[in-house]
Amino acid sequence: MPYQLMIRRSLTLVLLLGAAALGACGDDEEEQEPEVETMRVVIGETTVNFGNGGCTPSVASVTIPTGGAPVTASFLKADGSPETIVTEAEFELKVEPAGRFTRTSGFAGTISGGTAGTTTFSFSLFHKEEQHEDYGPCQLPIVVQ
């Protein structure tokens, strides 16, 4: 068999195998991204909505005691229903400064008050596997009394 014919057949085989491999990649199920329209954060007894896909809080600030306050978060679609793709297995509430947040579950914890005064916290929906925020970070002034 001439050398050029052998090379041509080898290249054809490589191209066919490559095309088959690429075709198989297209069969993978694409990971869905959450469609969060509102991040609802409850701090103590105050509910804060960061809505319409943005980070403007529904209240100007939240007041907490120096001993701290519990925090919970939920993530809602445009129709107000919970975004079911957002689960603790893949996501978590990220709070900064992290040193002032004690996590009790993926979407809850306690922020410490510390000394009296005003500080700013940020809240976001963090995708753990992909290591990025899917919503936020959203800033909120916290008044400690």
Protein backbone atom coordinates (compact mmCIF):
# COMPACT_ATOMS: atom_id res chain seq x y z
CA MET A 1 0.00 0.00 0.00
CA PRO A 2 1.48 3.35 -0.98
CA TYR A 3 2.49 5.58 1.89
CA GLN A 4 0.17 8.51 0.86
CA LEU A 5 -2.89 6.23 0.73
CA MET A 6 -2.10 4.89 4.20
CA ILE A 7 -1.76 8.46 5.56
CA ARG A 8 -5.03 9.50 3.86
CA ARG A 9 -6.94 6.56 5.39
CA SER A 10 -5.44 7.24 8.81
CA LEU A 11 -6.46 10.91 8.64
CA THR A 12 -9.97 9.96 7.51
CA LEU A 13 -10.31 7.58 10.44
CA VAL A 14 -9.09 10.25 12.89
CA LEU A 15 -11.55 12.80 11.48
CA LEU A 16 -14.47 10.37 11.69
CA LEU A 17 -13.64 9.44 15.27
CA GLY A 18 -13.30 13.12 16.20
CA ALA A 19 -16.67 13.95 14.63
CA ALA A 20 -18.30 11.08 16.50
CA ALA A 21 -16.79 12.27 19.78
CA LEU A 22 -18.03 15.83 19.21
CA GLY A 23 -21.50 14.55 18.37
CA ALA A 24 -21.63 12.63 21.63
CA CYS A 25 -20.76 15.80 23.57
CA GLY A 26 -23.90 17.48 22.27
CA ASP A 27 -26.01 14.81 23.96
CA ASP A 28 -25.01 15.98 27.46
CA GLU A 29 -27.85 17.59 29.36
CA GLU A 30 -27.12 21.29 29.71
CA GLU A 31 -27.12 22.52 33.30
CA GLN A 32 -29.95 24.93 33.97
CA GLU A 33 -29.27 28.28 35.57
CA PRO A 34 -31.71 29.57 38.17
CA GLU A 35 -34.12 32.31 37.12
CA VAL A 36 -34.09 34.32 40.33
CA GLU A 37 -36.01 37.57 40.10
CA THR A 38 -36.07 38.34 43.85
CA MET A 39 -33.69 37.48 46.65
CA ARG A 40 -35.64 37.69 49.92
CA VAL A 41 -33.51 38.09 53.03
CA VAL A 42 -35.13 38.09 56.47
CA ILE A 43 -32.94 39.65 59.17
CA GLY A 44 -34.44 39.31 62.61
CA GLU A 45 -38.04 40.31 61.96
CA THR A 46 -37.35 42.55 58.95
CA THR A 47 -37.92 41.26 55.41
CA VAL A 48 -35.73 42.76 52.69
CA ASN A 49 -36.48 42.09 49.03
CA PHE A 50 -33.79 42.65 46.45
CA GLY A 51 -36.10 42.48 43.46
CA ASN A 52 -36.63 42.84 39.75
CA GLY A 53 -33.33 41.13 39.10
CA GLY A 54 -31.50 44.00 40.78
CA CYS A 55 -29.90 44.83 44.08
CA THR A 56 -31.94 47.77 45.32
CA PRO A 57 -33.24 46.76 48.76
CA SER A 58 -36.91 47.25 49.64
CA VAL A 59 -35.87 49.00 52.89
CA ALA A 60 -33.15 51.62 53.41
CA SER A 61 -31.48 49.75 56.29
CA VAL A 62 -32.06 47.09 58.94
CA THR A 63 -31.49 47.52 62.67
CA ILE A 64 -30.15 44.61 64.72
CA PRO A 65 -29.11 44.28 68.37
CA THR A 66 -25.46 44.15 69.38
CA GLY A 67 -25.94 40.45 70.12
CA GLY A 68 -26.74 39.78 66.45
CA ALA A 69 -29.73 38.55 64.50
CA PRO A 70 -30.83 35.45 62.59
CA VAL A 71 -30.75 35.60 58.79
CA THR A 72 -32.65 33.45 56.29
CA ALA A 73 -32.87 33.77 52.53
CA SER A 74 -35.17 32.52 49.80
CA PHE A 75 -34.94 32.95 46.06
CA LEU A 76 -38.05 33.64 44.01
CA LYS A 77 -39.01 33.56 40.33
CA ALA A 78 -40.79 36.43 38.57
CA ASP A 79 -44.20 35.02 39.57
CA GLY A 80 -43.20 34.99 43.26
CA SER A 81 -42.87 31.21 43.52
CA PRO A 82 -39.67 29.63 44.90
CA GLU A 83 -36.95 28.87 42.35
CA THR A 84 -36.77 25.07 42.73
CA ILE A 85 -33.37 24.81 41.01
CA VAL A 86 -31.85 26.61 44.00
CA THR A 87 -31.05 23.84 46.47
CA GLU A 88 -28.61 23.63 49.36
CA ALA A 89 -26.76 20.87 47.51
CA GLU A 90 -25.60 23.33 44.84
CA PHE A 91 -26.11 26.84 46.24
CA GLU A 92 -25.72 28.83 49.43
CA LEU A 93 -26.35 32.27 50.80
CA LYS A 94 -23.06 34.14 50.84
CA VAL A 95 -22.74 36.95 53.40
CA GLU A 96 -19.87 39.41 53.64
CA PRO A 97 -18.12 40.23 55.84
CA ALA A 98 -17.85 36.48 56.31
CA GLY A 99 -16.28 36.89 59.75
CA ARG A 100 -19.57 38.28 61.04
CA PHE A 101 -21.77 35.48 59.66
CA THR A 102 -22.22 32.09 61.31
CA ARG A 103 -23.88 29.61 58.95
CA THR A 104 -26.52 27.21 60.29
CA SER A 105 -27.65 25.87 56.88
CA GLY A 106 -27.20 26.67 53.22
CA PHE A 107 -29.59 29.60 53.36
CA ALA A 108 -29.56 30.61 57.04
CA GLY A 109 -27.31 31.73 59.83
CA THR A 110 -26.66 34.55 62.25
CA ILE A 111 -24.98 37.88 61.67
CA SER A 112 -23.14 39.26 64.67
CA GLY A 113 -23.91 42.78 65.71
CA GLY A 114 -20.68 43.80 67.36
CA THR A 115 -20.30 47.37 68.51
CA ALA A 116 -23.01 49.97 67.98
CA GLY A 117 -22.89 51.84 64.69
CA THR A 118 -23.64 51.35 61.01
CA THR A 119 -21.94 48.88 58.71
CA THR A 120 -22.69 47.39 55.31
CA PHE A 121 -23.30 43.71 54.62
CA SER A 122 -23.58 42.10 51.21
CA PHE A 123 -25.79 39.13 50.35
CA SER A 124 -25.65 36.89 47.30
CA LEU A 125 -26.76 33.55 45.90
CA PHE A 126 -23.53 31.62 45.48
CA HIS A 127 -23.21 28.63 43.12
CA LYS A 128 -20.81 26.36 45.01
CA GLU A 129 -19.67 24.08 42.17
CA GLU A 130 -19.10 26.89 39.66
CA GLN A 131 -17.71 29.26 42.32
CA HIS A 132 -19.64 32.35 41.27
CA GLU A 133 -22.63 34.46 42.28
CA ASP A 134 -25.87 33.79 40.42
CA TYR A 135 -27.54 36.77 42.12
CA GLY A 136 -25.83 39.70 43.81
CA PRO A 137 -23.83 40.65 45.73
CA CYS A 138 -26.40 43.11 47.05
CA GLN A 139 -25.40 45.73 49.65
CA LEU A 140 -27.49 46.58 52.72
CA PRO A 141 -26.70 49.04 55.52
CA ILE A 142 -27.07 47.41 58.96
CA VAL A 143 -27.51 49.59 62.05
CA VAL A 144 -26.28 47.91 65.23
CA GLN A 145 -27.93 49.14 68.46
